[in-house]
Amino acid sequence: MKLKELESCLQQVDTFETPKILLEQYPTSPHIAGIDMKFLRAALTMAKTAVYSLHKTSTREHIQKKANDWVLKIGSNSRLRYDLPASYKFHKKKSVSSYSV
């Protein structure tokens, strides 16, 4: 498709309504201290209804404390087990099983 054709098609696209649910995925290293909470806080400021966020089980108490500090209610605090395959050369294991909150 040529650029002019693409521009013509894009002009016909209607704008989206404000989403009712925000899904976040932060593509950053877990080694950057506190970055997940900054993304969570940003999602909370934009959301009109709910924010769903997955975190390591080991951070459960910290997230509950932050929710209390921010005067928020955690509606569901569930465990989800899933397989996370290695995606970078520096990953030492082929895959790991993770639990999330």
PDB file of N, CA and C in Angstrom:
ATOM      1  N   MET A   1       0.850  -1.176   0.000  1.00  0.00           N
ATOM      2  CA  MET A   1       0.000   0.000   0.000  1.00  0.00           C
ATOM      3  C   MET A   1       0.894   1.237   0.000  1.00  0.00           C
ATOM      4  N   LYS A   2       0.555   2.182  -0.829  1.00  0.00           N
ATOM      5  CA  LYS A   2       1.334   3.410  -0.919  1.00  0.00           C
ATOM      6  C   LYS A   2       0.937   4.361   0.204  1.00  0.00           C
ATOM      7  N   LEU A   3       1.827   5.290   0.499  1.00  0.00           N
ATOM      8  CA  LEU A   3       1.615   6.217   1.601  1.00  0.00           C
ATOM      9  C   LEU A   3       0.316   7.008   1.448  1.00  0.00           C
ATOM     10  N   LYS A   4       0.020   7.498   0.272  1.00  0.00           N
ATOM     11  CA  LYS A   4      -1.211   8.277   0.041  1.00  0.00           C
ATOM     12  C   LYS A   4      -2.453   7.426   0.323  1.00  0.00           C
ATOM     13  N   GLU A   5      -2.410   6.160  -0.112  1.00  0.00           N
ATOM     14  CA  GLU A   5      -3.540   5.261   0.139  1.00  0.00           C
ATOM     15  C   GLU A   5      -3.711   5.018   1.637  1.00  0.00           C
ATOM     16  N   LEU A   6      -2.595   4.814   2.320  1.00  0.00           N
ATOM     17  CA  LEU A   6      -2.631   4.587   3.759  1.00  0.00           C
ATOM     18  C   LEU A   6      -3.195   5.797   4.478  1.00  0.00           C
ATOM     19  N   GLU A   7      -2.725   6.994   4.123  1.00  0.00           N
ATOM     20  CA  GLU A   7      -3.232   8.212   4.748  1.00  0.00           C
ATOM     21  C   GLU A   7      -4.728   8.356   4.513  1.00  0.00           C
ATOM     22  N   SER A   8      -5.186   8.029   3.321  1.00  0.00           N
ATOM     23  CA  SER A   8      -6.610   8.102   2.996  1.00  0.00           C
ATOM     24  C   SER A   8      -7.421   7.143   3.870  1.00  0.00           C
ATOM     25  N   CYS A   9      -6.900   5.936   4.047  1.00  0.00           N
ATOM     26  CA  CYS A   9      -7.590   4.954   4.892  1.00  0.00           C
ATOM     27  C   CYS A   9      -7.628   5.397   6.349  1.00  0.00           C
ATOM     28  N   LEU A  10      -6.522   5.935   6.828  1.00  0.00           N
ATOM     29  CA  LEU A  10      -6.448   6.355   8.224  1.00  0.00           C
ATOM     30  C   LEU A  10      -7.373   7.527   8.518  1.00  0.00           C
ATOM     31  N   GLN A  11      -7.629   8.373   7.545  1.00  0.00           N
ATOM     32  CA  GLN A  11      -8.533   9.500   7.751  1.00  0.00           C
ATOM     33  C   GLN A  11      -9.963   9.026   7.956  1.00  0.00           C
ATOM     34  N   GLN A  12     -10.273   7.835   7.502  1.00  0.00           N
ATOM     35  CA  GLN A  12     -11.627   7.308   7.629  1.00  0.00           C
ATOM     36  C   GLN A  12     -11.848   6.551   8.944  1.00  0.00           C
ATOM     37  N   VAL A  13     -10.806   6.412   9.749  1.00  0.00           N
ATOM     38  CA  VAL A  13     -10.915   5.678  11.007  1.00  0.00           C
ATOM     39  C   VAL A  13     -11.524   6.586  12.066  1.00  0.00           C
ATOM     40  N   ASP A  14     -12.572   6.097  12.719  1.00  0.00           N
ATOM     41  CA  ASP A  14     -13.188   6.855  13.808  1.00  0.00           C
ATOM     42  C   ASP A  14     -12.301   6.779  15.042  1.00  0.00           C
ATOM     43  N   THR A  15     -12.417   7.779  15.889  1.00  0.00           N
ATOM     44  CA  THR A  15     -11.649   7.763  17.131  1.00  0.00           C
ATOM     45  C   THR A  15     -12.285   6.779  18.105  1.00  0.00           C
ATOM     46  N   PHE A  16     -11.480   6.303  19.028  1.00  0.00           N
ATOM     47  CA  PHE A  16     -11.967   5.362  20.025  1.00  0.00           C
ATOM     48  C   PHE A  16     -12.563   6.108  21.206  1.00  0.00           C
ATOM     49  N   GLU A  17     -13.525   5.468  21.856  1.00  0.00           N
ATOM     50  CA  GLU A  17     -14.060   6.015  23.090  1.00  0.00           C
ATOM     51  C   GLU A  17     -13.027   5.797  24.194  1.00  0.00           C
ATOM     52  N   THR A  18     -13.211   6.505  25.301  1.00  0.00           N
ATOM     53  CA  THR A  18     -12.342   6.296  26.450  1.00  0.00           C
ATOM     54  C   THR A  18     -12.529   4.857  26.928  1.00  0.00           C
ATOM     55  N   PRO A  19     -11.444   4.115  27.097  1.00  0.00           N
ATOM     56  CA  PRO A  19     -11.593   2.714  27.503  1.00  0.00           C
ATOM     57  C   PRO A  19     -12.171   2.591  28.906  1.00  0.00           C
ATOM     58  N   LYS A  20     -12.920   1.526  29.125  1.00  0.00           N
ATOM     59  CA  LYS A  20     -13.486   1.271  30.444  1.00  0.00           C
ATOM     60  C   LYS A  20     -12.489   0.539  31.330  1.00  0.00           C
ATOM     61  N   ILE A  21     -11.573  -0.162  30.704  1.00  0.00           N
ATOM     62  CA  ILE A  21     -10.553  -0.907  31.437  1.00  0.00           C
ATOM     63  C   ILE A  21      -9.198  -0.619  30.805  1.00  0.00           C
ATOM     64  N   LEU A  22      -8.207  -0.362  31.649  1.00  0.00           N
ATOM     65  CA  LEU A  22      -6.841  -0.169  31.170  1.00  0.00           C
ATOM     66  C   LEU A  22      -6.033  -1.420  31.487  1.00  0.00           C
ATOM     67  N   LEU A  23      -5.343  -1.924  30.508  1.00  0.00           N
ATOM     68  CA  LEU A  23      -4.431  -3.040  30.723  1.00  0.00           C
ATOM     69  C   LEU A  23      -3.022  -2.511  30.569  1.00  0.00           C
ATOM     70  N   GLU A  24      -2.180  -2.804  31.524  1.00  0.00           N
ATOM     71  CA  GLU A  24      -0.820  -2.294  31.439  1.00  0.00           C
ATOM     72  C   GLU A  24       0.178  -3.429  31.366  1.00  0.00           C
ATOM     73  N   GLN A  25       1.230  -3.173  30.664  1.00  0.00           N
ATOM     74  CA  GLN A  25       2.357  -4.088  30.625  1.00  0.00           C
ATOM     75  C   GLN A  25       3.584  -3.208  30.511  1.00  0.00           C
ATOM     76  N   TYR A  26       4.379  -3.208  31.533  1.00  0.00           N
ATOM     77  CA  TYR A  26       5.557  -2.363  31.489  1.00  0.00           C
ATOM     78  C   TYR A  26       6.743  -3.187  30.996  1.00  0.00           C
ATOM     79  N   PRO A  27       7.321  -2.786  29.883  1.00  0.00           N
ATOM     80  CA  PRO A  27       8.408  -3.556  29.272  1.00  0.00           C
ATOM     81  C   PRO A  27       9.775  -3.179  29.829  1.00  0.00           C
ATOM     82  N   THR A  28       9.873  -3.075  31.122  1.00  0.00           N
ATOM     83  CA  THR A  28      11.131  -2.653  31.730  1.00  0.00           C
ATOM     84  C   THR A  28      11.699  -3.772  32.586  1.00  0.00           C
ATOM     85  N   SER A  29      12.920  -3.615  32.930  1.00  0.00           N
ATOM     86  CA  SER A  29      13.599  -4.591  33.762  1.00  0.00           C
ATOM     87  C   SER A  29      13.017  -4.580  35.170  1.00  0.00           C
ATOM     88  N   PRO A  30      12.810  -5.750  35.764  1.00  0.00           N
ATOM     89  CA  PRO A  30      12.325  -5.780  37.141  1.00  0.00           C
ATOM     90  C   PRO A  30      13.384  -5.291  38.125  1.00  0.00           C
ATOM     91  N   HIS A  31      14.581  -5.058  37.616  1.00  0.00           N
ATOM     92  CA  HIS A  31      15.660  -4.600  38.485  1.00  0.00           C
ATOM     93  C   HIS A  31      15.639  -3.091  38.695  1.00  0.00           C
ATOM     94  N   ILE A  32      14.745  -2.388  38.014  1.00  0.00           N
ATOM     95  CA  ILE A  32      14.615  -0.947  38.230  1.00  0.00           C
ATOM     96  C   ILE A  32      13.663  -0.773  39.405  1.00  0.00           C
ATOM     97  N   ALA A  33      14.214  -0.418  40.539  1.00  0.00           N
ATOM     98  CA  ALA A  33      13.448  -0.367  41.779  1.00  0.00           C
ATOM     99  C   ALA A  33      12.235   0.553  41.674  1.00  0.00           C
ATOM    100  N   GLY A  34      11.073  -0.004  41.998  1.00  0.00           N
ATOM    101  CA  GLY A  34       9.853   0.785  42.090  1.00  0.00           C
ATOM    102  C   GLY A  34       9.170   1.122  40.782  1.00  0.00           C
ATOM    103  N   ILE A  35       9.705   0.679  39.658  1.00  0.00           N
ATOM    104  CA  ILE A  35       9.127   1.072  38.373  1.00  0.00           C
ATOM    105  C   ILE A  35       7.721   0.500  38.201  1.00  0.00           C
ATOM    106  N   ASP A  36       7.476  -0.708  38.720  1.00  0.00           N
ATOM    107  CA  ASP A  36       6.138  -1.287  38.579  1.00  0.00           C
ATOM    108  C   ASP A  36       5.097  -0.463  39.321  1.00  0.00           C
ATOM    109  N   MET A  37       5.465   0.077  40.474  1.00  0.00           N
ATOM    110  CA  MET A  37       4.517   0.887  41.242  1.00  0.00           C
ATOM    111  C   MET A  37       4.271   2.237  40.568  1.00  0.00           C
ATOM    112  N   LYS A  38       5.273   2.765  39.884  1.00  0.00           N
ATOM    113  CA  LYS A  38       5.069   4.021  39.149  1.00  0.00           C
ATOM    114  C   LYS A  38       4.089   3.812  37.996  1.00  0.00           C
ATOM    115  N   PHE A  39       4.228   2.686  37.290  1.00  0.00           N
ATOM    116  CA  PHE A  39       3.290   2.378  36.213  1.00  0.00           C
ATOM    117  C   PHE A  39       1.892   2.128  36.773  1.00  0.00           C
ATOM    118  N   LEU A  40       1.813   1.441  37.903  1.00  0.00           N
ATOM    119  CA  LEU A  40       0.520   1.180  38.527  1.00  0.00           C
ATOM    120  C   LEU A  40      -0.144   2.487  38.943  1.00  0.00           C
ATOM    121  N   ARG A  41       0.621   3.380  39.536  1.00  0.00           N
ATOM    122  CA  ARG A  41       0.086   4.683  39.960  1.00  0.00           C
ATOM    123  C   ARG A  41      -0.418   5.472  38.749  1.00  0.00           C
ATOM    124  N   ALA A  42       0.330   5.449  37.654  1.00  0.00           N
ATOM    125  CA  ALA A  42      -0.092   6.152  36.438  1.00  0.00           C
ATOM    126  C   ALA A  42      -1.391   5.557  35.903  1.00  0.00           C
ATOM    127  N   ALA A  43      -1.498   4.232  35.898  1.00  0.00           N
ATOM    128  CA  ALA A  43      -2.727   3.579  35.425  1.00  0.00           C
ATOM    129  C   ALA A  43      -3.908   3.966  36.300  1.00  0.00           C
ATOM    130  N   LEU A  44      -3.678   4.058  37.596  1.00  0.00           N
ATOM    131  CA  LEU A  44      -4.755   4.423  38.514  1.00  0.00           C
ATOM    132  C   LEU A  44      -5.249   5.848  38.284  1.00  0.00           C
ATOM    133  N   THR A  45      -4.356   6.738  37.896  1.00  0.00           N
ATOM    134  CA  THR A  45      -4.784   8.118  37.639  1.00  0.00           C
ATOM    135  C   THR A  45      -5.588   8.218  36.346  1.00  0.00           C
ATOM    136  N   MET A  46      -5.387   7.293  35.409  1.00  0.00           N
ATOM    137  CA  MET A  46      -6.102   7.332  34.131  1.00  0.00           C
ATOM    138  C   MET A  46      -7.389   6.519  34.135  1.00  0.00           C
ATOM    139  N   ALA A  47      -7.469   5.515  34.987  1.00  0.00           N
ATOM    140  CA  ALA A  47      -8.604   4.594  34.956  1.00  0.00           C
ATOM    141  C   ALA A  47      -9.868   5.241  35.499  1.00  0.00           C
ATOM    142  N   LYS A  48     -10.979   4.889  34.893  1.00  0.00           N
ATOM    143  CA  LYS A  48     -12.268   5.362  35.377  1.00  0.00           C
ATOM    144  C   LYS A  48     -12.965   4.298  36.226  1.00  0.00           C
ATOM    145  N   THR A  49     -12.632   3.034  36.011  1.00  0.00           N
ATOM    146  CA  THR A  49     -13.304   1.971  36.761  1.00  0.00           C
ATOM    147  C   THR A  49     -12.338   1.059  37.512  1.00  0.00           C
ATOM    148  N   ALA A  50     -11.454   0.376  36.799  1.00  0.00           N
ATOM    149  CA  ALA A  50     -10.605  -0.619  37.448  1.00  0.00           C
ATOM    150  C   ALA A  50      -9.259  -0.719  36.757  1.00  0.00           C
ATOM    151  N   VAL A  51      -8.277  -1.211  37.506  1.00  0.00           N
ATOM    152  CA  VAL A  51      -6.950  -1.503  36.965  1.00  0.00           C
ATOM    153  C   VAL A  51      -6.627  -2.937  37.359  1.00  0.00           C
ATOM    154  N   TYR A  52      -6.204  -3.726  36.388  1.00  0.00           N
ATOM    155  CA  TYR A  52      -5.777  -5.096  36.631  1.00  0.00           C
ATOM    156  C   TYR A  52      -4.275  -5.148  36.404  1.00  0.00           C
ATOM    157  N   SER A  53      -3.546  -5.672  37.385  1.00  0.00           N
ATOM    158  CA  SER A  53      -2.096  -5.663  37.295  1.00  0.00           C
ATOM    159  C   SER A  53      -1.541  -6.945  37.895  1.00  0.00           C
ATOM    160  N   LEU A  54      -0.568  -7.549  37.220  1.00  0.00           N
ATOM    161  CA  LEU A  54       0.074  -8.766  37.709  1.00  0.00           C
ATOM    162  C   LEU A  54       1.423  -8.428  38.322  1.00  0.00           C
ATOM    163  N   HIS A  55       1.704  -9.043  39.461  1.00  0.00           N
ATOM    164  CA  HIS A  55       2.968  -8.813  40.160  1.00  0.00           C
ATOM    165  C   HIS A  55       3.453 -10.124  40.755  1.00  0.00           C
ATOM    166  N   LYS A  56       4.715 -10.164  41.122  1.00  0.00           N
ATOM    167  CA  LYS A  56       5.261 -11.345  41.778  1.00  0.00           C
ATOM    168  C   LYS A  56       4.585 -11.529  43.137  1.00  0.00           C
ATOM    169  N   THR A  57       4.391 -12.788  43.518  1.00  0.00           N
ATOM    170  CA  THR A  57       3.769 -13.089  44.803  1.00  0.00           C
ATOM    171  C   THR A  57       4.565 -12.494  45.958  1.00  0.00           C
ATOM    172  N   SER A  58       5.868 -12.427  45.812  1.00  0.00           N
ATOM    173  CA  SER A  58       6.713 -11.904  46.892  1.00  0.00           C
ATOM    174  C   SER A  58       6.452 -10.427  47.182  1.00  0.00           C
ATOM    175  N   THR A  59       5.785  -9.727  46.270  1.00  0.00           N
ATOM    176  CA  THR A  59       5.506  -8.301  46.493  1.00  0.00           C
ATOM    177  C   THR A  59       4.090  -8.051  47.001  1.00  0.00           C
ATOM    178  N   ARG A  60       3.353  -9.115  47.301  1.00  0.00           N
ATOM    179  CA  ARG A  60       1.953  -9.003  47.721  1.00  0.00           C
ATOM    180  C   ARG A  60       1.764  -8.030  48.888  1.00  0.00           C
ATOM    181  N   GLU A  61       2.546  -8.184  49.942  1.00  0.00           N
ATOM    182  CA  GLU A  61       2.392  -7.312  51.115  1.00  0.00           C
ATOM    183  C   GLU A  61       2.706  -5.863  50.776  1.00  0.00           C
ATOM    184  N   HIS A  62       3.720  -5.635  49.966  1.00  0.00           N
ATOM    185  CA  HIS A  62       4.084  -4.271  49.576  1.00  0.00           C
ATOM    186  C   HIS A  62       2.951  -3.616  48.786  1.00  0.00           C
ATOM    187  N   ILE A  63       2.354  -4.363  47.871  1.00  0.00           N
ATOM    188  CA  ILE A  63       1.259  -3.816  47.067  1.00  0.00           C
ATOM    189  C   ILE A  63       0.050  -3.525  47.946  1.00  0.00           C
ATOM    190  N   GLN A  64      -0.231  -4.399  48.904  1.00  0.00           N
ATOM    191  CA  GLN A  64      -1.341  -4.150  49.830  1.00  0.00           C
ATOM    192  C   GLN A  64      -1.081  -2.889  50.650  1.00  0.00           C
ATOM    193  N   LYS A  65       0.160  -2.696  51.092  1.00  0.00           N
ATOM    194  CA  LYS A  65       0.510  -1.490  51.852  1.00  0.00           C
ATOM    195  C   LYS A  65       0.323  -0.242  50.990  1.00  0.00           C
ATOM    196  N   LYS A  66       0.791  -0.296  49.744  1.00  0.00           N
ATOM    197  CA  LYS A  66       0.626   0.846  48.836  1.00  0.00           C
ATOM    198  C   LYS A  66      -0.853   1.139  48.597  1.00  0.00           C
ATOM    199  N   ALA A  67      -1.649   0.091  48.409  1.00  0.00           N
ATOM    200  CA  ALA A  67      -3.091   0.281  48.207  1.00  0.00           C
ATOM    201  C   ALA A  67      -3.705   0.977  49.417  1.00  0.00           C
ATOM    202  N   ASN A  68      -3.290   0.577  50.607  1.00  0.00           N
ATOM    203  CA  ASN A  68      -3.778   1.234  51.822  1.00  0.00           C
ATOM    204  C   ASN A  68      -3.323   2.689  51.876  1.00  0.00           C
ATOM    205  N   ASP A  69      -2.060   2.946  51.533  1.00  0.00           N
ATOM    206  CA  ASP A  69      -1.537   4.321  51.523  1.00  0.00           C
ATOM    207  C   ASP A  69      -2.296   5.196  50.530  1.00  0.00           C
ATOM    208  N   TRP A  70      -2.663   4.611  49.393  1.00  0.00           N
ATOM    209  CA  TRP A  70      -3.351   5.363  48.340  1.00  0.00           C
ATOM    210  C   TRP A  70      -4.870   5.340  48.523  1.00  0.00           C
ATOM    211  N   VAL A  71      -5.334   4.757  49.627  1.00  0.00           N
ATOM    212  CA  VAL A  71      -6.762   4.626  49.944  1.00  0.00           C
ATOM    213  C   VAL A  71      -7.501   3.918  48.795  1.00  0.00           C
ATOM    214  N   LEU A  72      -6.985   2.760  48.430  1.00  0.00           N
ATOM    215  CA  LEU A  72      -7.572   1.945  47.368  1.00  0.00           C
ATOM    216  C   LEU A  72      -8.003   0.602  47.928  1.00  0.00           C
ATOM    217  N   LYS A  73      -8.939  -0.011  47.252  1.00  0.00           N
ATOM    218  CA  LYS A  73      -9.395  -1.341  47.626  1.00  0.00           C
ATOM    219  C   LYS A  73      -8.931  -2.337  46.565  1.00  0.00           C
ATOM    220  N   ILE A  74      -8.299  -3.402  47.009  1.00  0.00           N
ATOM    221  CA  ILE A  74      -7.933  -4.478  46.092  1.00  0.00           C
ATOM    222  C   ILE A  74      -9.127  -5.419  46.042  1.00  0.00           C
ATOM    223  N   GLY A  75      -9.765  -5.483  44.880  1.00  0.00           N
ATOM    224  CA  GLY A  75     -10.980  -6.279  44.738  1.00  0.00           C
ATOM    225  C   GLY A  75     -10.718  -7.771  44.690  1.00  0.00           C
ATOM    226  N   SER A  76      -9.644  -8.170  44.073  1.00  0.00           N
ATOM    227  CA  SER A  76      -9.306  -9.580  43.966  1.00  0.00           C
ATOM    228  C   SER A  76      -7.805  -9.714  44.152  1.00  0.00           C
ATOM    229  N   ASN A  77      -7.427 -10.607  45.014  1.00  0.00           N
ATOM    230  CA  ASN A  77      -6.021 -10.824  45.297  1.00  0.00           C
ATOM    231  C   ASN A  77      -5.760 -12.310  45.077  1.00  0.00           C
ATOM    232  N   SER A  78      -5.625 -12.701  43.828  1.00  0.00           N
ATOM    233  CA  SER A  78      -5.561 -14.112  43.457  1.00  0.00           C
ATOM    234  C   SER A  78      -4.167 -14.527  43.019  1.00  0.00           C
ATOM    235  N   ARG A  79      -3.939 -15.820  43.069  1.00  0.00           N
ATOM    236  CA  ARG A  79      -2.692 -16.376  42.545  1.00  0.00           C
ATOM    237  C   ARG A  79      -2.950 -16.992  41.187  1.00  0.00           C
ATOM    238  N   LEU A  80      -2.053 -16.737  40.288  1.00  0.00           N
ATOM    239  CA  LEU A  80      -2.142 -17.262  38.931  1.00  0.00           C
ATOM    240  C   LEU A  80      -0.797 -17.887  38.613  1.00  0.00           C
ATOM    241  N   ARG A  81      -0.806 -19.122  38.217  1.00  0.00           N
ATOM    242  CA  ARG A  81       0.453 -19.784  37.871  1.00  0.00           C
ATOM    243  C   ARG A  81       0.558 -19.859  36.355  1.00  0.00           C
ATOM    244  N   TYR A  82       1.695 -19.463  35.834  1.00  0.00           N
ATOM    245  CA  TYR A  82       1.903 -19.528  34.388  1.00  0.00           C
ATOM    246  C   TYR A  82       3.369 -19.770  34.084  1.00  0.00           C
ATOM    247  N   ASP A  83       3.618 -20.296  32.899  1.00  0.00           N
ATOM    248  CA  ASP A  83       4.977 -20.573  32.452  1.00  0.00           C
ATOM    249  C   ASP A  83       5.504 -19.359  31.704  1.00  0.00           C
ATOM    250  N   LEU A  84       6.661 -18.908  32.062  1.00  0.00           N
ATOM    251  CA  LEU A  84       7.280 -17.745  31.439  1.00  0.00           C
ATOM    252  C   LEU A  84       8.546 -18.196  30.712  1.00  0.00           C
ATOM    253  N   PRO A  85       8.493 -18.313  29.379  1.00  0.00           N
ATOM    254  CA  PRO A  85       9.669 -18.774  28.635  1.00  0.00           C
ATOM    255  C   PRO A  85      10.764 -17.711  28.569  1.00  0.00           C
ATOM    256  N   ALA A  86      12.000 -18.159  28.454  1.00  0.00           N
ATOM    257  CA  ALA A  86      13.129 -17.235  28.310  1.00  0.00           C
ATOM    258  C   ALA A  86      12.962 -16.448  27.015  1.00  0.00           C
ATOM    259  N   SER A  87      13.208 -15.144  27.086  1.00  0.00           N
ATOM    260  CA  SER A  87      13.046 -14.324  25.883  1.00  0.00           C
ATOM    261  C   SER A  87      14.291 -13.507  25.547  1.00  0.00           C
ATOM    262  N   TYR A  88      15.293 -13.567  26.394  1.00  0.00           N
ATOM    263  CA  TYR A  88      16.533 -12.842  26.133  1.00  0.00           C
ATOM    264  C   TYR A  88      17.721 -13.785  26.281  1.00  0.00           C
ATOM    265  N   LYS A  89      18.818 -13.467  25.638  1.00  0.00           N
ATOM    266  CA  LYS A  89      20.013 -14.318  25.697  1.00  0.00           C
ATOM    267  C   LYS A  89      20.560 -14.444  27.118  1.00  0.00           C
ATOM    268  N   PHE A  90      20.388 -13.392  27.934  1.00  0.00           N
ATOM    269  CA  PHE A  90      20.957 -13.436  29.278  1.00  0.00           C
ATOM    270  C   PHE A  90      20.115 -14.258  30.258  1.00  0.00           C
ATOM    271  N   HIS A  91      18.910 -14.697  29.862  1.00  0.00           N
ATOM    272  CA  HIS A  91      18.115 -15.569  30.725  1.00  0.00           C
ATOM    273  C   HIS A  91      18.815 -16.918  30.830  1.00  0.00           C
ATOM    274  N   LYS A  92      19.006 -17.370  32.047  1.00  0.00           N
ATOM    275  CA  LYS A  92      19.768 -18.586  32.278  1.00  0.00           C
ATOM    276  C   LYS A  92      18.919 -19.854  32.160  1.00  0.00           C
ATOM    277  N   LYS A  93      17.606 -19.756  32.411  1.00  0.00           N
ATOM    278  CA  LYS A  93      16.718 -20.915  32.343  1.00  0.00           C
ATOM    279  C   LYS A  93      15.851 -20.830  31.088  1.00  0.00           C
ATOM    280  N   LYS A  94      15.477 -22.005  30.551  1.00  0.00           N
ATOM    281  CA  LYS A  94      14.613 -22.016  29.363  1.00  0.00           C
ATOM    282  C   LYS A  94      13.238 -21.446  29.674  1.00  0.00           C
ATOM    283  N   SER A  95      12.722 -21.742  30.868  1.00  0.00           N
ATOM    284  CA  SER A  95      11.446 -21.184  31.299  1.00  0.00           C
ATOM    285  C   SER A  95      11.360 -21.284  32.816  1.00  0.00           C
ATOM    286  N   VAL A  96      10.463 -20.503  33.387  1.00  0.00           N
ATOM    287  CA  VAL A  96      10.221 -20.547  34.826  1.00  0.00           C
ATOM    288  C   VAL A  96       8.717 -20.522  35.052  1.00  0.00           C
ATOM    289  N   SER A  97       8.285 -21.135  36.144  1.00  0.00           N
ATOM    290  CA  SER A  97       6.887 -21.048  36.543  1.00  0.00           C
ATOM    291  C   SER A  97       6.777 -19.892  37.515  1.00  0.00           C
ATOM    292  N   SER A  98       5.825 -19.028  37.279  1.00  0.00           N
ATOM    293  CA  SER A  98       5.672 -17.847  38.118  1.00  0.00           C
ATOM    294  C   SER A  98       4.296 -17.817  38.754  1.00  0.00           C
ATOM    295  N   TYR A  99       4.245 -17.258  39.935  1.00  0.00           N
ATOM    296  CA  TYR A  99       2.976 -16.978  40.596  1.00  0.00           C
ATOM    297  C   TYR A  99       2.832 -15.469  40.638  1.00  0.00           C
ATOM    298  N   SER A 100       1.655 -14.998  40.395  1.00  0.00           N
ATOM    299  CA  SER A 100       1.420 -13.561  40.398  1.00  0.00           C
ATOM    300  C   SER A 100       0.249 -13.216  41.288  1.00  0.00           C
ATOM    301  N   VAL A 101       0.211 -11.947  41.643  1.00  0.00           N
ATOM    302  CA  VAL A 101      -0.890 -11.407  42.439  1.00  0.00           C
ATOM    303  C   VAL A 101      -1.795 -10.649  41.508  1.00  0.00           C
TER     304      VAL A 101
END
